[in-house]
């Protein structure tokens, strides 16, 4: 019995050690996603500030585009796409984000917004799905624990991240 418990503990420790990614999905965004046919993936990483190298940024951009294409969407290069997928790496620990419910920002009192405080670890990969017609984020996700220091491990994680995020986004539309 004791050997079985030790074996189970080692197995669980190994399983947790193999999957250190922690997903954060924000479901209470006030904008409803629409229907989308075209997309563009935009790299919003600041040069030299994050741990994500340029080659990793290119890899993630291509993996995300491939995953969206496999789900029936078309990449858009010549005109404005229906959906813009923006990704970046958080370089701060705390972020305050304003989620606006309407387009009255130009008026004296401003729009009806609520501040939302999101706390991430440093070097968290953040992905926003932005509806270009509504000019609003319609889906927001983040992943903590990405291996930016190992190119081969990052490639496997990038595929896993893109697959999971696109699947969850597609389920929401």
C-alpha atoms as a PDB file:
ATOM      1  CA  UNK A   1       0.000   0.000   0.000  1.00  0.00           C
ATOM      2  CA  UNK A   2       2.784   2.402   0.929  1.00  0.00           C
ATOM      3  CA  UNK A   3       4.594   1.681  -2.351  1.00  0.00           C
ATOM      4  CA  UNK A   4       1.390   2.385  -4.285  1.00  0.00           C
ATOM      5  CA  UNK A   5       1.006   5.756  -2.555  1.00  0.00           C
ATOM      6  CA  UNK A   6       4.622   6.666  -3.268  1.00  0.00           C
ATOM      7  CA  UNK A   7       4.199   5.635  -6.905  1.00  0.00           C
ATOM      8  CA  UNK A   8       1.013   7.708  -7.157  1.00  0.00           C
ATOM      9  CA  UNK A   9       2.725  10.710  -5.538  1.00  0.00           C
ATOM     10  CA  UNK A  10       5.698  10.484  -7.935  1.00  0.00           C
ATOM     11  CA  UNK A  11       3.336  10.144 -10.888  1.00  0.00           C
ATOM     12  CA  UNK A  12       1.302  13.192  -9.821  1.00  0.00           C
ATOM     13  CA  UNK A  13       4.462  15.184  -9.183  1.00  0.00           C
ATOM     14  CA  UNK A  14       5.740  14.245 -12.638  1.00  0.00           C
ATOM     15  CA  UNK A  15       2.398  15.092 -14.278  1.00  0.00           C
ATOM     16  CA  UNK A  16       2.239  18.492 -12.586  1.00  0.00           C
ATOM     17  CA  UNK A  17       5.894  19.134 -13.412  1.00  0.00           C
ATOM     18  CA  UNK A  18       5.233  18.417 -17.081  1.00  0.00           C
ATOM     19  CA  UNK A  19       2.349  20.860 -17.273  1.00  0.00           C
ATOM     20  CA  UNK A  20       3.287  24.075 -15.460  1.00  0.00           C
ATOM     21  CA  UNK A  21       1.079  26.273 -17.661  1.00  0.00           C
ATOM     22  CA  UNK A  22      -1.696  28.094 -15.817  1.00  0.00           C
ATOM     23  CA  UNK A  23      -4.463  29.547 -17.974  1.00  0.00           C
ATOM     24  CA  UNK A  24      -6.398  32.675 -17.020  1.00  0.00           C
ATOM     25  CA  UNK A  25      -9.568  33.277 -19.027  1.00  0.00           C
ATOM     26  CA  UNK A  26     -11.684  36.398 -18.467  1.00  0.00           C
ATOM     27  CA  UNK A  27     -15.318  35.527 -19.124  1.00  0.00           C
ATOM     28  CA  UNK A  28     -17.079  38.686 -17.924  1.00  0.00           C
ATOM     29  CA  UNK A  29     -16.210  40.951 -20.861  1.00  0.00           C
ATOM     30  CA  UNK A  30     -19.321  43.029 -21.609  1.00  0.00           C
ATOM     31  CA  UNK A  31     -19.087  42.746 -25.407  1.00  0.00           C
ATOM     32  CA  UNK A  32     -20.623  39.788 -27.190  1.00  0.00           C
ATOM     33  CA  UNK A  33     -18.447  38.231 -29.877  1.00  0.00           C
ATOM     34  CA  UNK A  34     -19.841  38.415 -33.387  1.00  0.00           C
ATOM     35  CA  UNK A  35     -19.262  36.179 -36.377  1.00  0.00           C
ATOM     36  CA  UNK A  36     -15.820  36.325 -37.920  1.00  0.00           C
ATOM     37  CA  UNK A  37     -14.479  35.207 -41.271  1.00  0.00           C
ATOM     38  CA  UNK A  38     -11.069  36.894 -41.437  1.00  0.00           C
ATOM     39  CA  UNK A  39      -8.302  37.446 -38.911  1.00  0.00           C
ATOM     40  CA  UNK A  40      -4.906  39.004 -38.410  1.00  0.00           C
ATOM     41  CA  UNK A  41      -2.435  38.079 -35.651  1.00  0.00           C
ATOM     42  CA  UNK A  42      -0.534  41.089 -34.289  1.00  0.00           C
ATOM     43  CA  UNK A  43       2.606  40.932 -32.202  1.00  0.00           C
ATOM     44  CA  UNK A  44       2.370  43.636 -29.517  1.00  0.00           C
ATOM     45  CA  UNK A  45       5.551  42.606 -27.669  1.00  0.00           C
ATOM     46  CA  UNK A  46       7.874  45.473 -26.834  1.00  0.00           C
ATOM     47  CA  UNK A  47      11.346  44.902 -28.261  1.00  0.00           C
ATOM     48  CA  UNK A  48      13.960  43.961 -25.707  1.00  0.00           C
ATOM     49  CA  UNK A  49      11.639  44.197 -22.696  1.00  0.00           C
ATOM     50  CA  UNK A  50      10.133  40.710 -22.414  1.00  0.00           C
ATOM     51  CA  UNK A  51      11.778  37.299 -22.154  1.00  0.00           C
ATOM     52  CA  UNK A  52      10.085  36.211 -25.398  1.00  0.00           C
ATOM     53  CA  UNK A  53      12.673  36.242 -28.191  1.00  0.00           C
ATOM     54  CA  UNK A  54      11.894  37.457 -31.709  1.00  0.00           C
ATOM     55  CA  UNK A  55      11.960  33.893 -33.047  1.00  0.00           C
ATOM     56  CA  UNK A  56       9.500  32.823 -30.328  1.00  0.00           C
ATOM     57  CA  UNK A  57       7.271  35.761 -31.226  1.00  0.00           C
ATOM     58  CA  UNK A  58       7.307  34.622 -34.869  1.00  0.00           C
ATOM     59  CA  UNK A  59       6.614  31.020 -33.836  1.00  0.00           C
ATOM     60  CA  UNK A  60       3.623  32.001 -31.697  1.00  0.00           C
ATOM     61  CA  UNK A  61       2.244  34.285 -34.411  1.00  0.00           C
ATOM     62  CA  UNK A  62       2.447  31.466 -36.993  1.00  0.00           C
ATOM     63  CA  UNK A  63       1.051  28.801 -34.648  1.00  0.00           C
ATOM     64  CA  UNK A  64      -1.907  31.006 -33.687  1.00  0.00           C
ATOM     65  CA  UNK A  65      -2.592  31.843 -37.360  1.00  0.00           C
ATOM     66  CA  UNK A  66      -2.448  28.153 -38.275  1.00  0.00           C
ATOM     67  CA  UNK A  67      -4.855  27.213 -35.499  1.00  0.00           C
ATOM     68  CA  UNK A  68      -7.365  29.883 -36.594  1.00  0.00           C
ATOM     69  CA  UNK A  69      -7.073  28.743 -40.229  1.00  0.00           C
ATOM     70  CA  UNK A  70      -7.766  25.129 -39.165  1.00  0.00           C
ATOM     71  CA  UNK A  71     -10.961  26.434 -37.549  1.00  0.00           C
ATOM     72  CA  UNK A  72     -12.207  27.847 -40.847  1.00  0.00           C
ATOM     73  CA  UNK A  73     -11.061  31.460 -40.618  1.00  0.00           C
ATOM     74  CA  UNK A  74      -9.070  33.162 -43.375  1.00  0.00           C
ATOM     75  CA  UNK A  75      -5.971  35.295 -42.831  1.00  0.00           C
ATOM     76  CA  UNK A  76      -6.427  38.856 -44.054  1.00  0.00           C
ATOM     77  CA  UNK A  77      -3.546  40.781 -45.509  1.00  0.00           C
ATOM     78  CA  UNK A  78      -5.003  43.459 -47.782  1.00  0.00           C
ATOM     79  CA  UNK A  79      -7.843  45.005 -45.794  1.00  0.00           C
ATOM     80  CA  UNK A  80      -9.007  45.239 -42.198  1.00  0.00           C
ATOM     81  CA  UNK A  81      -9.766  41.812 -40.764  1.00  0.00           C
ATOM     82  CA  UNK A  82     -12.919  41.049 -38.767  1.00  0.00           C
ATOM     83  CA  UNK A  83     -10.837  39.859 -35.820  1.00  0.00           C
ATOM     84  CA  UNK A  84      -7.450  41.018 -34.574  1.00  0.00           C
ATOM     85  CA  UNK A  85      -5.570  38.668 -32.253  1.00  0.00           C
ATOM     86  CA  UNK A  86      -3.075  40.702 -30.239  1.00  0.00           C
ATOM     87  CA  UNK A  87      -0.460  39.014 -28.073  1.00  0.00           C
ATOM     88  CA  UNK A  88       2.178  40.391 -25.737  1.00  0.00           C
ATOM     89  CA  UNK A  89       4.118  39.468 -22.629  1.00  0.00           C
ATOM     90  CA  UNK A  90       3.362  41.230 -19.341  1.00  0.00           C
ATOM     91  CA  UNK A  91       6.419  42.898 -17.911  1.00  0.00           C
ATOM     92  CA  UNK A  92       4.663  44.202 -14.788  1.00  0.00           C
ATOM     93  CA  UNK A  93       2.969  42.344 -11.984  1.00  0.00           C
ATOM     94  CA  UNK A  94      -0.227  44.420 -11.783  1.00  0.00           C
ATOM     95  CA  UNK A  95      -2.393  45.803 -14.551  1.00  0.00           C
ATOM     96  CA  UNK A  96      -5.568  47.891 -14.394  1.00  0.00           C
ATOM     97  CA  UNK A  97      -7.734  47.520 -17.440  1.00  0.00           C
ATOM     98  CA  UNK A  98     -10.805  49.598 -18.300  1.00  0.00           C
ATOM     99  CA  UNK A  99     -13.652  47.748 -19.938  1.00  0.00           C
ATOM    100  CA  UNK A 100     -15.998  50.277 -21.581  1.00  0.00           C
ATOM    101  CA  UNK A 101     -19.626  49.514 -22.278  1.00  0.00           C
ATOM    102  CA  UNK A 102     -20.182  52.113 -25.000  1.00  0.00           C
ATOM    103  CA  UNK A 103     -18.466  54.561 -27.333  1.00  0.00           C
ATOM    104  CA  UNK A 104     -19.051  57.807 -25.405  1.00  0.00           C
ATOM    105  CA  UNK A 105     -15.427  58.415 -24.427  1.00  0.00           C
ATOM    106  CA  UNK A 106     -15.363  61.744 -26.282  1.00  0.00           C
ATOM    107  CA  UNK A 107     -18.078  63.284 -24.109  1.00  0.00           C
ATOM    108  CA  UNK A 108     -17.307  65.292 -20.980  1.00  0.00           C
ATOM    109  CA  UNK A 109     -18.320  62.575 -18.527  1.00  0.00           C
ATOM    110  CA  UNK A 110     -16.668  59.819 -20.553  1.00  0.00           C
ATOM    111  CA  UNK A 111     -17.959  56.348 -21.262  1.00  0.00           C
ATOM    112  CA  UNK A 112     -19.545  53.945 -18.852  1.00  0.00           C
ATOM    113  CA  UNK A 113     -16.431  52.015 -17.861  1.00  0.00           C
ATOM    114  CA  UNK A 114     -15.456  49.848 -14.983  1.00  0.00           C
ATOM    115  CA  UNK A 115     -11.883  49.338 -13.910  1.00  0.00           C
ATOM    116  CA  UNK A 116     -10.830  45.731 -13.674  1.00  0.00           C
ATOM    117  CA  UNK A 117      -7.645  44.800 -11.867  1.00  0.00           C
ATOM    118  CA  UNK A 118      -5.929  41.760 -13.311  1.00  0.00           C
ATOM    119  CA  UNK A 119      -2.899  40.337 -11.546  1.00  0.00           C
ATOM    120  CA  UNK A 120      -0.387  38.262 -13.471  1.00  0.00           C
ATOM    121  CA  UNK A 121       3.068  36.916 -12.842  1.00  0.00           C
ATOM    122  CA  UNK A 122       5.826  38.679 -14.731  1.00  0.00           C
ATOM    123  CA  UNK A 123       6.365  37.281 -18.244  1.00  0.00           C
ATOM    124  CA  UNK A 124       2.795  36.067 -18.630  1.00  0.00           C
ATOM    125  CA  UNK A 125       1.725  35.609 -22.250  1.00  0.00           C
ATOM    126  CA  UNK A 126      -1.486  37.608 -22.806  1.00  0.00           C
ATOM    127  CA  UNK A 127      -3.767  37.129 -25.821  1.00  0.00           C
ATOM    128  CA  UNK A 128      -6.662  39.462 -26.681  1.00  0.00           C
ATOM    129  CA  UNK A 129      -9.213  38.757 -29.409  1.00  0.00           C
ATOM    130  CA  UNK A 130     -10.285  42.200 -30.673  1.00  0.00           C
ATOM    131  CA  UNK A 131     -13.427  42.773 -32.768  1.00  0.00           C
ATOM    132  CA  UNK A 132     -12.404  45.441 -35.308  1.00  0.00           C
ATOM    133  CA  UNK A 133     -16.000  46.436 -36.113  1.00  0.00           C
ATOM    134  CA  UNK A 134     -16.933  46.999 -32.462  1.00  0.00           C
ATOM    135  CA  UNK A 135     -13.447  48.263 -31.528  1.00  0.00           C
ATOM    136  CA  UNK A 136     -13.578  46.094 -28.433  1.00  0.00           C
ATOM    137  CA  UNK A 137     -11.888  43.124 -26.848  1.00  0.00           C
ATOM    138  CA  UNK A 138     -14.339  40.211 -27.066  1.00  0.00           C
ATOM    139  CA  UNK A 139     -12.146  37.508 -25.492  1.00  0.00           C
ATOM    140  CA  UNK A 140      -9.139  37.727 -23.175  1.00  0.00           C
ATOM    141  CA  UNK A 141      -6.804  34.997 -22.021  1.00  0.00           C
ATOM    142  CA  UNK A 142      -3.381  34.678 -20.452  1.00  0.00           C
ATOM    143  CA  UNK A 143      -0.910  31.909 -19.695  1.00  0.00           C
ATOM    144  CA  UNK A 144       1.539  31.908 -16.821  1.00  0.00           C
ATOM    145  CA  UNK A 145       4.553  29.612 -16.682  1.00  0.00           C
ATOM    146  CA  UNK A 146       5.561  29.668 -20.354  1.00  0.00           C
ATOM    147  CA  UNK A 147       9.121  28.397 -20.967  1.00  0.00           C
ATOM    148  CA  UNK A 148      10.796  31.268 -22.788  1.00  0.00           C
ATOM    149  CA  UNK A 149      14.265  29.926 -21.944  1.00  0.00           C
ATOM    150  CA  UNK A 150      13.934  26.677 -23.957  1.00  0.00           C
ATOM    151  CA  UNK A 151      13.141  26.925 -27.674  1.00  0.00           C
ATOM    152  CA  UNK A 152      12.016  23.291 -28.047  1.00  0.00           C
ATOM    153  CA  UNK A 153       9.832  23.388 -24.934  1.00  0.00           C
ATOM    154  CA  UNK A 154       8.374  26.728 -26.062  1.00  0.00           C
ATOM    155  CA  UNK A 155       7.391  25.272 -29.455  1.00  0.00           C
ATOM    156  CA  UNK A 156       5.402  22.489 -27.777  1.00  0.00           C
ATOM    157  CA  UNK A 157       3.800  24.945 -25.357  1.00  0.00           C
ATOM    158  CA  UNK A 158       2.965  27.403 -28.160  1.00  0.00           C
ATOM    159  CA  UNK A 159       1.003  24.702 -29.981  1.00  0.00           C
ATOM    160  CA  UNK A 160      -0.814  23.731 -26.788  1.00  0.00           C
ATOM    161  CA  UNK A 161      -1.596  27.364 -25.896  1.00  0.00           C
ATOM    162  CA  UNK A 162      -2.882  28.279 -29.361  1.00  0.00           C
ATOM    163  CA  UNK A 163      -5.015  25.146 -29.581  1.00  0.00           C
ATOM    164  CA  UNK A 164      -6.611  25.687 -26.173  1.00  0.00           C
ATOM    165  CA  UNK A 165      -7.198  29.435 -26.588  1.00  0.00           C
ATOM    166  CA  UNK A 166      -8.672  29.171 -30.082  1.00  0.00           C
ATOM    167  CA  UNK A 167     -10.914  26.285 -28.971  1.00  0.00           C
ATOM    168  CA  UNK A 168     -12.215  28.302 -26.016  1.00  0.00           C
ATOM    169  CA  UNK A 169     -12.739  31.391 -28.173  1.00  0.00           C
ATOM    170  CA  UNK A 170     -14.583  29.402 -30.852  1.00  0.00           C
ATOM    171  CA  UNK A 171     -16.808  27.873 -28.163  1.00  0.00           C
ATOM    172  CA  UNK A 172     -17.776  31.403 -27.057  1.00  0.00           C
ATOM    173  CA  UNK A 173     -18.985  32.562 -30.483  1.00  0.00           C
END
